[in-house]
C-alpha atoms as a PDB file:
ATOM      1  CA  MET A   1      14.541 -46.097  -9.265  1.00  0.00           C
ATOM      2  CA  THR A   2      14.271 -43.707  -6.319  1.00  0.00           C
ATOM      3  CA  VAL A   3      11.383 -41.293  -6.691  1.00  0.00           C
ATOM      4  CA  THR A   4      11.709 -37.869  -5.134  1.00  0.00           C
ATOM      5  CA  ALA A   5       8.389 -36.406  -3.845  1.00  0.00           C
ATOM      6  CA  ALA A   6       7.456 -32.892  -5.085  1.00  0.00           C
ATOM      7  CA  PRO A   7       7.631 -30.163  -2.401  1.00  0.00           C
ATOM      8  CA  PRO A   8       4.277 -29.099  -0.902  1.00  0.00           C
ATOM      9  CA  ALA A   9       4.831 -25.470  -1.921  1.00  0.00           C
ATOM     10  CA  MET A  10       5.033 -26.340  -5.610  1.00  0.00           C
ATOM     11  CA  LEU A  11       2.065 -28.606  -5.341  1.00  0.00           C
ATOM     12  CA  HIS A  12      -0.028 -25.928  -3.590  1.00  0.00           C
ATOM     13  CA  GLY A  13       1.017 -23.276  -5.952  1.00  0.00           C
ATOM     14  CA  VAL A  14      -0.514 -25.175  -8.991  1.00  0.00           C
ATOM     15  CA  GLY A  15      -3.845 -25.353  -7.199  1.00  0.00           C
ATOM     16  CA  ASP A  16      -3.818 -21.753  -5.967  1.00  0.00           C
ATOM     17  CA  ARG A  17      -3.210 -20.386  -9.511  1.00  0.00           C
ATOM     18  CA  ALA A  18      -5.855 -22.681 -10.945  1.00  0.00           C
ATOM     19  CA  LEU A  19      -8.438 -21.531  -8.375  1.00  0.00           C
ATOM     20  CA  THR A  20      -7.627 -17.931  -9.032  1.00  0.00           C
ATOM     21  CA  TRP A  21      -8.383 -18.404 -12.814  1.00  0.00           C
ATOM     22  CA  LEU A  22     -11.538 -20.367 -12.110  1.00  0.00           C
ATOM     23  CA  ASP A  23     -12.802 -17.595  -9.782  1.00  0.00           C
ATOM     24  CA  GLU A  24     -11.876 -14.822 -12.204  1.00  0.00           C
ATOM     25  CA  HIS A  25     -13.879 -16.735 -15.044  1.00  0.00           C
ATOM     26  CA  ARG A  26     -16.850 -17.846 -12.890  1.00  0.00           C
ATOM     27  CA  GLU A  27     -19.331 -16.195 -15.143  1.00  0.00           C
ATOM     28  CA  HIS A  28     -18.543 -18.547 -17.975  1.00  0.00           C
ATOM     29  CA  PHE A  29     -20.017 -21.406 -15.894  1.00  0.00           C
ATOM     30  CA  ARG A  30     -23.419 -19.704 -16.107  1.00  0.00           C
ATOM     31  CA  LEU A  31     -26.134 -21.483 -18.138  1.00  0.00           C
ATOM     32  CA  THR A  32     -27.576 -19.398 -20.965  1.00  0.00           C
ATOM     33  CA  PRO A  33     -31.153 -19.535 -22.129  1.00  0.00           C
ATOM     34  CA  GLU A  34     -29.982 -21.364 -25.202  1.00  0.00           C
ATOM     35  CA  ASP A  35     -28.342 -23.997 -22.974  1.00  0.00           C
ATOM     36  CA  GLN A  36     -31.670 -24.694 -21.318  1.00  0.00           C
ATOM     37  CA  THR A  37     -33.647 -25.636 -24.485  1.00  0.00           C
ATOM     38  CA  THR A  38     -32.914 -29.383 -24.229  1.00  0.00           C
ATOM     39  CA  GLY A  39     -32.017 -31.751 -21.458  1.00  0.00           C
ATOM     40  CA  ALA A  40     -28.900 -32.858 -23.282  1.00  0.00           C
ATOM     41  CA  ALA A  41     -27.587 -29.235 -23.432  1.00  0.00           C
ATOM     42  CA  VAL A  42     -28.358 -28.610 -19.770  1.00  0.00           C
ATOM     43  CA  ILE A  43     -26.448 -31.830 -18.838  1.00  0.00           C
ATOM     44  CA  GLU A  44     -23.457 -30.789 -20.863  1.00  0.00           C
ATOM     45  CA  ARG A  45     -23.371 -27.341 -19.192  1.00  0.00           C
ATOM     46  CA  LEU A  46     -24.018 -28.743 -15.689  1.00  0.00           C
ATOM     47  CA  LYS A  47     -20.973 -31.088 -15.780  1.00  0.00           C
ATOM     48  CA  PRO A  48     -18.494 -28.198 -15.224  1.00  0.00           C
ATOM     49  CA  ILE A  49     -20.574 -27.014 -12.284  1.00  0.00           C
ATOM     50  CA  GLY A  50     -20.540 -30.450 -10.768  1.00  0.00           C
ATOM     51  CA  GLU A  51     -16.738 -30.580 -11.204  1.00  0.00           C
ATOM     52  CA  LEU A  52     -16.466 -27.209  -9.590  1.00  0.00           C
ATOM     53  CA  VAL A  53     -18.237 -28.178  -6.390  1.00  0.00           C
ATOM     54  CA  ILE A  54     -16.117 -31.391  -6.216  1.00  0.00           C
ATOM     55  CA  ASN A  55     -13.062 -29.112  -6.212  1.00  0.00           C
ATOM     56  CA  MET A  56     -14.398 -27.096  -3.308  1.00  0.00           C
ATOM     57  CA  GLN A  57     -15.254 -30.260  -1.465  1.00  0.00           C
ATOM     58  CA  VAL A  58     -11.717 -31.616  -1.810  1.00  0.00           C
ATOM     59  CA  LEU A  59     -10.226 -28.252  -0.763  1.00  0.00           C
ATOM     60  CA  PHE A  60     -12.352 -27.988   2.327  1.00  0.00           C
ATOM     61  CA  ARG A  61     -11.942 -31.653   3.293  1.00  0.00           C
ATOM     62  CA  GLU A  62      -8.157 -31.749   2.875  1.00  0.00           C
ATOM     63  CA  GLY A  63      -7.724 -28.492   4.803  1.00  0.00           C
ATOM     64  CA  VAL A  64      -4.784 -27.323   2.625  1.00  0.00           C
ATOM     65  CA  ALA A  65      -6.253 -23.979   1.610  1.00  0.00           C
ATOM     66  CA  GLY A  66      -4.882 -20.853   3.022  1.00  0.00           C
ATOM     67  CA  SER A  67      -7.254 -18.162   4.359  1.00  0.00           C
ATOM     68  CA  ARG A  68      -7.547 -16.340   1.020  1.00  0.00           C
ATOM     69  CA  GLN A  69      -8.011 -19.629  -0.951  1.00  0.00           C
ATOM     70  CA  HIS A  70     -10.547 -20.880   1.597  1.00  0.00           C
ATOM     71  CA  ALA A  71     -12.549 -17.699   1.286  1.00  0.00           C
ATOM     72  CA  ARG A  72     -12.499 -17.814  -2.443  1.00  0.00           C
ATOM     73  CA  ALA A  73     -13.533 -21.472  -2.526  1.00  0.00           C
ATOM     74  CA  GLY A  74     -16.488 -20.672  -0.203  1.00  0.00           C
ATOM     75  CA  GLN A  75     -17.547 -17.791  -2.386  1.00  0.00           C
ATOM     76  CA  LEU A  76     -17.345 -19.970  -5.563  1.00  0.00           C
ATOM     77  CA  LEU A  77     -19.464 -22.703  -3.768  1.00  0.00           C
ATOM     78  CA  ASP A  78     -22.222 -20.198  -2.878  1.00  0.00           C
ATOM     79  CA  PHE A  79     -22.075 -18.776  -6.324  1.00  0.00           C
ATOM     80  CA  ALA A  80     -22.505 -22.152  -7.879  1.00  0.00           C
ATOM     81  CA  TRP A  81     -25.437 -23.126  -5.654  1.00  0.00           C
ATOM     82  CA  ARG A  82     -27.305 -19.808  -5.473  1.00  0.00           C
ATOM     83  CA  GLU A  83     -26.719 -18.335  -8.951  1.00  0.00           C
ATOM     84  CA  LEU A  84     -25.666 -21.097 -11.341  1.00  0.00           C
ATOM     85  CA  LEU A  85     -28.183 -23.682  -9.986  1.00  0.00           C
ATOM     86  CA  ASP A  86     -30.818 -21.205  -8.574  1.00  0.00           C
ATOM     87  CA  GLY A  87     -30.643 -22.901  -5.165  1.00  0.00           C
ATOM     88  CA  GLY A  88     -30.913 -26.274  -6.691  1.00  0.00           C
ATOM     89  CA  ASN A  89     -34.021 -25.462  -8.858  1.00  0.00           C
ATOM     90  CA  VAL A  90     -31.966 -26.078 -12.136  1.00  0.00           C
ATOM     91  CA  LEU A  91     -31.236 -29.666 -10.858  1.00  0.00           C
ATOM     92  CA  ALA A  92     -34.919 -30.097  -9.879  1.00  0.00           C
ATOM     93  CA  ALA A  93     -36.081 -29.075 -13.364  1.00  0.00           C
ATOM     94  CA  LEU A  94     -33.604 -31.514 -14.950  1.00  0.00           C
ATOM     95  CA  GLN A  95     -34.755 -34.288 -12.612  1.00  0.00           C
ATOM     96  CA  HIS A  96     -38.377 -33.614 -13.828  1.00  0.00           C
ATOM     97  CA  ASP A  97     -37.308 -33.588 -17.511  1.00  0.00           C
ATOM     98  CA  GLU A  98     -34.807 -36.446 -17.280  1.00  0.00           C
ATOM     99  CA  PRO A  99     -35.898 -38.495 -14.281  1.00  0.00           C
ATOM    100  CA  LEU A 100     -33.535 -41.445 -15.064  1.00  0.00           C
ATOM    101  CA  SER A 101     -30.433 -39.349 -15.684  1.00  0.00           C
ATOM    102  CA  PRO A 102     -27.676 -39.870 -13.063  1.00  0.00           C
ATOM    103  CA  VAL A 103     -26.476 -36.253 -13.483  1.00  0.00           C
ATOM    104  CA  PRO A 104     -28.802 -34.572 -10.953  1.00  0.00           C
ATOM    105  CA  ILE A 105     -28.064 -36.978  -8.154  1.00  0.00           C
ATOM    106  CA  GLU A 106     -24.283 -36.963  -8.802  1.00  0.00           C
ATOM    107  CA  ILE A 107     -24.116 -33.143  -8.739  1.00  0.00           C
ATOM    108  CA  TYR A 108     -26.521 -32.768  -5.850  1.00  0.00           C
ATOM    109  CA  ALA A 109     -24.737 -35.371  -3.650  1.00  0.00           C
ATOM    110  CA  ALA A 110     -21.528 -33.221  -3.580  1.00  0.00           C
ATOM    111  CA  PHE A 111     -23.613 -30.182  -2.453  1.00  0.00           C
ATOM    112  CA  HIS A 112     -25.588 -32.309   0.010  1.00  0.00           C
ATOM    113  CA  GLU A 113     -22.373 -33.490   1.585  1.00  0.00           C
ATOM    114  CA  LEU A 114     -21.427 -29.864   2.181  1.00  0.00           C
ATOM    115  CA  GLY A 115     -24.790 -29.028   3.853  1.00  0.00           C
ATOM    116  CA  TYR A 116     -26.953 -27.720   1.002  1.00  0.00           C
ATOM    117  CA  ARG A 117     -30.512 -29.048   0.675  1.00  0.00           C
ATOM    118  CA  HIS A 118     -33.382 -29.076  -1.755  1.00  0.00           C
ATOM    119  CA  PRO A 119     -36.218 -31.273  -0.346  1.00  0.00           C
ATOM    120  CA  GLY A 120     -38.240 -31.274  -3.536  1.00  0.00           C
ATOM    121  CA  LEU A 121     -35.311 -32.528  -5.586  1.00  0.00           C
ATOM    122  CA  GLU A 122     -34.635 -35.269  -3.044  1.00  0.00           C
ATOM    123  CA  SER A 123     -38.258 -36.440  -3.191  1.00  0.00           C
ATOM    124  CA  ALA A 124     -38.210 -36.507  -7.041  1.00  0.00           C
ATOM    125  CA  MET A 125     -34.980 -38.477  -7.056  1.00  0.00           C
ATOM    126  CA  GLU A 126     -36.409 -41.080  -4.636  1.00  0.00           C
ATOM    127  CA  VAL A 127     -39.317 -41.705  -6.944  1.00  0.00           C
ATOM    128  CA  SER A 128     -36.890 -42.530  -9.758  1.00  0.00           C
ATOM    129  CA  ARG A 129     -34.749 -44.713  -7.447  1.00  0.00           C
ATOM    130  CA  ARG A 130     -37.701 -46.904  -6.586  1.00  0.00           C
ATOM    131  CA  THR A 131     -38.189 -47.911 -10.232  1.00  0.00           C
ATOM    132  CA  THR A 132     -36.724 -51.140 -11.617  1.00  0.00           C
ATOM    133  CA  THR A 133     -35.220 -49.158 -14.400  1.00  0.00           C
ATOM    134  CA  TRP A 134     -32.980 -47.306 -12.015  1.00  0.00           C
ATOM    135  CA  THR A 135     -30.979 -50.462 -11.538  1.00  0.00           C
ATOM    136  CA  ALA A 136     -31.587 -51.966 -14.963  1.00  0.00           C
ATOM    137  CA  LEU A 137     -30.272 -49.037 -16.972  1.00  0.00           C
ATOM    138  CA  GLU A 138     -27.247 -50.202 -19.058  1.00  0.00           C
ATOM    139  CA  VAL A 139     -24.422 -47.866 -18.198  1.00  0.00           C
ATOM    140  CA  VAL A 140     -20.680 -48.395 -18.319  1.00  0.00           C
ATOM    141  CA  PRO A 141     -19.324 -49.872 -14.979  1.00  0.00           C
ATOM    142  CA  ASN A 142     -17.518 -46.728 -13.775  1.00  0.00           C
ATOM    143  CA  ARG A 143     -20.573 -44.645 -14.348  1.00  0.00           C
ATOM    144  CA  ARG A 144     -22.548 -47.060 -12.122  1.00  0.00           C
ATOM    145  CA  LEU A 145     -19.843 -46.491  -9.449  1.00  0.00           C
ATOM    146  CA  GLY A 146     -20.541 -42.744  -9.694  1.00  0.00           C
ATOM    147  CA  VAL A 147     -24.226 -43.274  -8.906  1.00  0.00           C
ATOM    148  CA  LEU A 148     -23.436 -45.595  -6.085  1.00  0.00           C
ATOM    149  CA  ASN A 149     -20.966 -43.178  -4.680  1.00  0.00           C
ATOM    150  CA  ALA A 150     -23.516 -40.341  -4.897  1.00  0.00           C
ATOM    151  CA  GLU A 151     -26.034 -42.590  -2.978  1.00  0.00           C
ATOM    152  CA  ARG A 152     -23.375 -43.278  -0.423  1.00  0.00           C
ATOM    153  CA  LYS A 153     -22.726 -39.661   0.102  1.00  0.00           C
ATOM    154  CA  MET A 154     -26.343 -38.929   0.736  1.00  0.00           C
ATOM    155  CA  GLY A 155     -26.880 -41.805   3.152  1.00  0.00           C
ATOM    156  CA  LEU A 156     -29.205 -43.725   0.727  1.00  0.00           C
ATOM    157  CA  THR A 157     -29.662 -47.377   0.393  1.00  0.00           C
ATOM    158  CA  PRO A 158     -27.274 -48.425  -2.475  1.00  0.00           C
ATOM    159  CA  SER A 159     -29.074 -49.432  -5.627  1.00  0.00           C
ATOM    160  CA  ALA A 160     -26.437 -52.082  -6.398  1.00  0.00           C
ATOM    161  CA  ASP A 161     -23.477 -53.879  -4.667  1.00  0.00           C
ATOM    162  CA  PHE A 162     -20.519 -51.554  -4.653  1.00  0.00           C
ATOM    163  CA  ASP A 163     -17.785 -54.299  -4.586  1.00  0.00           C
ATOM    164  CA  ARG A 164     -19.346 -56.111  -7.431  1.00  0.00           C
ATOM    165  CA  ALA A 165     -19.600 -52.909  -9.420  1.00  0.00           C
ATOM    166  CA  VAL A 166     -15.855 -52.333  -8.926  1.00  0.00           C
ATOM    167  CA  GLU A 167     -15.160 -55.811 -10.094  1.00  0.00           C
ATOM    168  CA  ARG A 168     -16.922 -55.064 -13.415  1.00  0.00           C
ATOM    169  CA  THR A 169     -14.833 -52.067 -14.236  1.00  0.00           C
ATOM    170  CA  TRP A 170     -11.794 -52.184 -16.530  1.00  0.00           C
ATOM    171  CA  LEU A 171      -9.497 -51.509 -13.511  1.00  0.00           C
ATOM    172  CA  GLY A 172     -11.228 -54.125 -11.469  1.00  0.00           C
ATOM    173  CA  ARG A 173     -10.185 -56.803 -13.865  1.00  0.00           C
ATOM    174  CA  ARG A 174      -6.595 -55.426 -14.165  1.00  0.00           C
ATOM    175  CA  PRO A 175      -6.001 -56.139 -17.741  1.00  0.00           C
ATOM    176  CA  GLU A 176      -2.789 -55.835 -19.766  1.00  0.00           C
ATOM    177  CA  PRO A 177      -1.383 -52.379 -18.879  1.00  0.00           C
ATOM    178  CA  TRP A 178       0.022 -51.760 -22.406  1.00  0.00           C
ATOM    179  CA  THR A 179      -3.551 -51.826 -23.798  1.00  0.00           C
ATOM    180  CA  VAL A 180      -4.371 -48.469 -21.972  1.00  0.00           C
ATOM    181  CA  GLN A 181      -5.525 -45.845 -24.495  1.00  0.00           C
ATOM    182  CA  LEU A 182      -7.103 -42.430 -23.940  1.00  0.00           C
ATOM    183  CA  HIS A 183     -10.649 -43.496 -23.078  1.00  0.00           C
ATOM    184  CA  ILE A 184      -9.448 -46.480 -20.923  1.00  0.00           C
ATOM    185  CA  ALA A 185      -7.238 -44.117 -18.969  1.00  0.00           C
ATOM    186  CA  TYR A 186     -10.087 -41.856 -18.214  1.00  0.00           C
ATOM    187  CA  ASP A 187     -12.113 -44.833 -17.099  1.00  0.00           C
ATOM    188  CA  ILE A 188      -9.355 -45.882 -14.767  1.00  0.00           C
ATOM    189  CA  THR A 189      -9.132 -42.407 -13.150  1.00  0.00           C
ATOM    190  CA  HIS A 190     -12.936 -42.202 -12.678  1.00  0.00           C
ATOM    191  CA  THR A 191     -13.027 -45.659 -11.156  1.00  0.00           C
ATOM    192  CA  VAL A 192     -10.517 -44.471  -8.520  1.00  0.00           C
ATOM    193  CA  PHE A 193     -12.398 -41.143  -7.963  1.00  0.00           C
ATOM    194  CA  HIS A 194     -15.712 -42.932  -7.188  1.00  0.00           C
ATOM    195  CA  LEU A 195     -14.056 -45.761  -5.304  1.00  0.00           C
ATOM    196  CA  THR A 196     -12.289 -43.383  -2.898  1.00  0.00           C
ATOM    197  CA  ASN A 197     -14.916 -40.669  -2.878  1.00  0.00           C
ATOM    198  CA  TRP A 198     -12.410 -38.368  -4.593  1.00  0.00           C
ATOM    199  CA  GLY A 199      -9.531 -39.254  -2.448  1.00  0.00           C
ATOM    200  CA  GLU A 200     -11.323 -39.270   0.891  1.00  0.00           C
ATOM    201  CA  ALA A 201     -10.801 -42.960   1.613  1.00  0.00           C
ATOM    202  CA  PRO A 202      -7.648 -44.356  -0.061  1.00  0.00           C
ATOM    203  CA  ASP A 203      -8.192 -47.501   1.955  1.00  0.00           C
ATOM    204  CA  ARG A 204     -11.193 -48.387  -0.093  1.00  0.00           C
ATOM    205  CA  ILE A 205      -8.938 -49.353  -2.963  1.00  0.00           C
ATOM    206  CA  PRO A 206      -8.686 -53.138  -2.950  1.00  0.00           C
ATOM    207  CA  PRO A 207      -5.054 -54.320  -2.287  1.00  0.00           C
ATOM    208  CA  ALA A 208      -4.769 -56.042  -5.725  1.00  0.00           C
ATOM    209  CA  ILE A 209      -5.877 -52.781  -7.486  1.00  0.00           C
ATOM    210  CA  ALA A 210      -3.526 -50.712  -5.422  1.00  0.00           C
ATOM    211  CA  THR A 211      -0.630 -52.919  -6.274  1.00  0.00           C
ATOM    212  CA  TYR A 212      -1.534 -52.888  -9.922  1.00  0.00           C
ATOM    213  CA  LEU A 213      -1.632 -49.106 -10.003  1.00  0.00           C
ATOM    214  CA  GLU A 214       1.607 -48.787  -8.068  1.00  0.00           C
ATOM    215  CA  LEU A 215       3.260 -50.928 -10.737  1.00  0.00           C
ATOM    216  CA  TYR A 216       1.909 -49.253 -13.877  1.00  0.00           C
ATOM    217  CA  LEU A 217       0.656 -45.738 -12.980  1.00  0.00           C
ATOM    218  CA  PRO A 218       4.127 -44.265 -13.243  1.00  0.00           C
ATOM    219  CA  ALA A 219       4.620 -45.584 -16.783  1.00  0.00           C
ATOM    220  CA  TRP A 220       1.227 -44.213 -17.818  1.00  0.00           C
ATOM    221  CA  MET A 221       1.988 -40.750 -16.264  1.00  0.00           C
ATOM    222  CA  ASP A 222       5.321 -40.605 -18.228  1.00  0.00           C
ATOM    223  CA  ASP A 223       3.444 -41.519 -21.459  1.00  0.00           C
ATOM    224  CA  TRP A 224       0.885 -38.802 -21.171  1.00  0.00           C
ATOM    225  CA  ALA A 225       3.448 -36.302 -20.046  1.00  0.00           C
ATOM    226  CA  ASP A 226       5.446 -37.003 -23.179  1.00  0.00           C
ATOM    227  CA  LEU A 227       2.263 -36.415 -25.188  1.00  0.00           C
ATOM    228  CA  GLU A 228       1.719 -33.237 -23.208  1.00  0.00           C
ATOM    229  CA  HIS A 229      -1.874 -34.319 -22.495  1.00  0.00           C
ATOM    230  CA  TRP A 230      -2.149 -32.225 -19.389  1.00  0.00           C
ATOM    231  CA  ASP A 231      -5.819 -32.899 -18.711  1.00  0.00           C
ATOM    232  CA  LEU A 232      -5.343 -36.658 -18.509  1.00  0.00           C
ATOM    233  CA  LEU A 233      -1.999 -36.296 -16.674  1.00  0.00           C
ATOM    234  CA  GLY A 234      -3.707 -34.213 -14.034  1.00  0.00           C
ATOM    235  CA  GLU A 235      -6.243 -36.940 -13.413  1.00  0.00           C
ATOM    236  CA  LEU A 236      -3.448 -39.538 -13.210  1.00  0.00           C
ATOM    237  CA  LEU A 237      -1.709 -37.336 -10.697  1.00  0.00           C
ATOM    238  CA  PHE A 238      -4.798 -37.135  -8.594  1.00  0.00           C
ATOM    239  CA  VAL A 239      -5.044 -40.998  -8.779  1.00  0.00           C
ATOM    240  CA  ASP A 240      -1.447 -41.282  -7.611  1.00  0.00           C
ATOM    241  CA  ALA A 241      -2.300 -39.044  -4.632  1.00  0.00           C
ATOM    242  CA  CYS A 242      -5.264 -41.363  -3.789  1.00  0.00           C
ATOM    243  CA  LEU A 243      -3.014 -44.472  -3.459  1.00  0.00           C
ATOM    244  CA  PRO A 244      -2.123 -45.822  -0.046  1.00  0.00           C
ATOM    245  CA  ARG A 245       1.444 -45.002  -0.885  1.00  0.00           C
ATOM    246  CA  PRO A 246       1.516 -42.106  -3.312  1.00  0.00           C
ATOM    247  CA  THR A 247       4.749 -41.161  -5.144  1.00  0.00           C
ATOM    248  CA  LEU A 248       3.984 -37.457  -5.791  1.00  0.00           C
ATOM    249  CA  ASP A 249       6.812 -37.743  -8.372  1.00  0.00           C
ATOM    250  CA  ALA A 250       8.604 -34.413  -8.463  1.00  0.00           C
ATOM    251  CA  ARG A 251       9.871 -35.043 -11.962  1.00  0.00           C
ATOM    252  CA  VAL A 252       6.319 -35.392 -13.319  1.00  0.00           C
ATOM    253  CA  TRP A 253       4.858 -32.594 -11.270  1.00  0.00           C
ATOM    254  CA  GLU A 254       7.551 -30.240 -12.407  1.00  0.00           C
ATOM    255  CA  ARG A 255       6.550 -30.952 -16.086  1.00  0.00           C
ATOM    256  CA  TYR A 256       2.887 -30.464 -15.196  1.00  0.00           C
ATOM    257  CA  ALA A 257       3.448 -27.216 -13.324  1.00  0.00           C
ATOM    258  CA  ALA A 258       5.547 -25.918 -16.216  1.00  0.00           C
ATOM    259  CA  ALA A 259       2.616 -26.460 -18.588  1.00  0.00           C
ATOM    260  CA  GLN A 260       0.302 -24.167 -16.524  1.00  0.00           C
ATOM    261  CA  SER A 261      -0.204 -20.701 -18.061  1.00  0.00           C
ATOM    262  CA  GLU A 262       0.653 -17.551 -16.158  1.00  0.00           C
ATOM    263  CA  SER A 263      -3.021 -16.841 -15.775  1.00  0.00           C
ATOM    264  CA  GLY A 264      -3.522 -20.103 -13.906  1.00  0.00           C
ATOM    265  CA  ALA A 265      -5.344 -21.937 -16.609  1.00  0.00           C
ATOM    266  CA  MET A 266      -4.135 -25.410 -17.611  1.00  0.00           C
ATOM    267  CA  PRO A 267      -4.243 -26.264 -21.255  1.00  0.00           C
ATOM    268  CA  MET A 268      -5.844 -29.407 -22.363  1.00  0.00           C
ATOM    269  CA  GLN A 269      -2.978 -30.558 -24.479  1.00  0.00           C
ATOM    270  CA  ARG A 270       0.300 -28.875 -25.486  1.00  0.00           C
ATOM    271  CA  GLY A 271      -0.156 -25.119 -25.181  1.00  0.00           C
ATOM    272  CA  MET A 272      -2.993 -22.648 -24.430  1.00  0.00           C
ATOM    273  CA  PRO A 273      -5.454 -21.894 -27.266  1.00  0.00           C
ATOM    274  CA  ASP A 274      -6.259 -18.488 -28.595  1.00  0.00           C
ATOM    275  CA  GLY A 275      -9.550 -17.056 -29.445  1.00  0.00           C
ATOM    276  CA  ASP A 276     -12.822 -15.831 -27.900  1.00  0.00           C
ATOM    277  CA  PRO A 277     -12.680 -15.975 -24.031  1.00  0.00           C
ATOM    278  CA  ALA A 278     -15.838 -18.037 -23.875  1.00  0.00           C
ATOM    279  CA  GLU A 279     -14.523 -20.562 -26.374  1.00  0.00           C
ATOM    280  CA  VAL A 280     -11.106 -20.742 -24.661  1.00  0.00           C
ATOM    281  CA  PHE A 281     -13.012 -21.345 -21.297  1.00  0.00           C
ATOM    282  CA  ASP A 282     -14.971 -24.247 -22.864  1.00  0.00           C
ATOM    283  CA  VAL A 283     -11.516 -25.938 -23.804  1.00  0.00           C
ATOM    284  CA  VAL A 284      -9.537 -25.319 -20.682  1.00  0.00           C
ATOM    285  CA  HIS A 285     -11.911 -25.169 -17.794  1.00  0.00           C
ATOM    286  CA  HIS A 286     -11.813 -29.004 -17.172  1.00  0.00           C
ATOM    287  CA  PRO A 287      -7.976 -29.310 -17.175  1.00  0.00           C
ATOM    288  CA  THR A 288      -7.886 -26.251 -14.807  1.00  0.00           C
ATOM    289  CA  LEU A 289     -10.466 -27.794 -12.496  1.00  0.00           C
ATOM    290  CA  VAL A 290      -8.368 -31.022 -12.573  1.00  0.00           C
ATOM    291  CA  ALA A 291      -5.256 -29.027 -11.627  1.00  0.00           C
ATOM    292  CA  ALA A 292      -7.043 -27.558  -8.667  1.00  0.00           C
ATOM    293  CA  PHE A 293      -8.274 -30.782  -7.094  1.00  0.00           C
ATOM    294  CA  ALA A 294      -5.057 -32.772  -7.916  1.00  0.00           C
ATOM    295  CA  SER A 295      -3.130 -30.072  -6.282  1.00  0.00           C
ATOM    296  CA  ALA A 296      -5.236 -30.180  -3.120  1.00  0.00           C
ATOM    297  CA  MET A 297      -5.038 -33.840  -2.808  1.00  0.00           C
ATOM    298  CA  ALA A 298      -1.333 -34.080  -3.490  1.00  0.00           C
ATOM    299  CA  THR A 299      -0.533 -31.229  -1.169  1.00  0.00           C
ATOM    300  CA  SER A 300      -2.448 -32.901   1.611  1.00  0.00           C
ATOM    301  CA  ARG A 301      -0.583 -36.181   1.152  1.00  0.00           C
ATOM    302  CA  ALA A 302       2.765 -34.447   0.957  1.00  0.00           C
ATOM    303  CA  LEU A 303       2.084 -32.480   4.143  1.00  0.00           C
ATOM    304  CA  SER A 304       1.146 -35.764   5.933  1.00  0.00           C
ATOM    305  CA  ALA A 305       4.455 -37.284   4.832  1.00  0.00           C
ATOM    306  CA  ASP A 306       2.472 -40.358   3.779  1.00  0.00           C
ATOM    307  CA  VAL A 307       4.483 -40.936   0.590  1.00  0.00           C
ATOM    308  CA  ALA A 308       6.422 -43.893  -0.934  1.00  0.00           C
END
């Protein structure tokens, strides 16, 4: 079947609307005093901030933002570092309280790659990384990849062999494609994210894995589009854009773009929820973040004409 690639203007529009919504709702990313009562609560509230900075990283790297979008992204990035993270002090406090958590290094690595620094946090992380426990912690394979990719971003000696870590993932073993369920699908997407450093290096995908994804990713995208699970579909669309030969399937992207609300927010599944704005933000911020970075990556690949 011949696949028609989506036009760059449509791809870009999804991301521009998503970024507008994220900027207009930036205050909802802020940690409250209640959030900071336990390490677990802080980690849960920090994850969206980490995802936000990855969005800005992809936008800047791919060079697809217009002047207005570029300025908005820069302002959001500064807001995240200076106000949401208090110049990195929030991450340093979490590192002190949860020295073996991978969350501080994964979030900080993205800022570090963009030129932000917190020497005290880096020193504290290095103490943790020198322990045997750092490499002995039992984490799922794609999470191990996340740590290794963060270390790579910061120019640190890797705490494990990256290629062997890839082989231990579900995707690295290339099991029966019909066994993919929700949590496995998310594991697949995150393996590709860390493997390629969020699309920076599609050539890092081993040829056998790339061939496997080229064969089965279209069917998975159709399945989750039929289920109207826009959050997962957005991640799969990002994976497609990371492949050496992306499809950027216009048929799937049209369904995805049609699901986006007029405000720019992307629902998690089916339609937008109603209710208190803060509660709605908690439900839709992740799929909206996904829409922004999937759009940036897909637009970049479309403009390069490097499609199947």
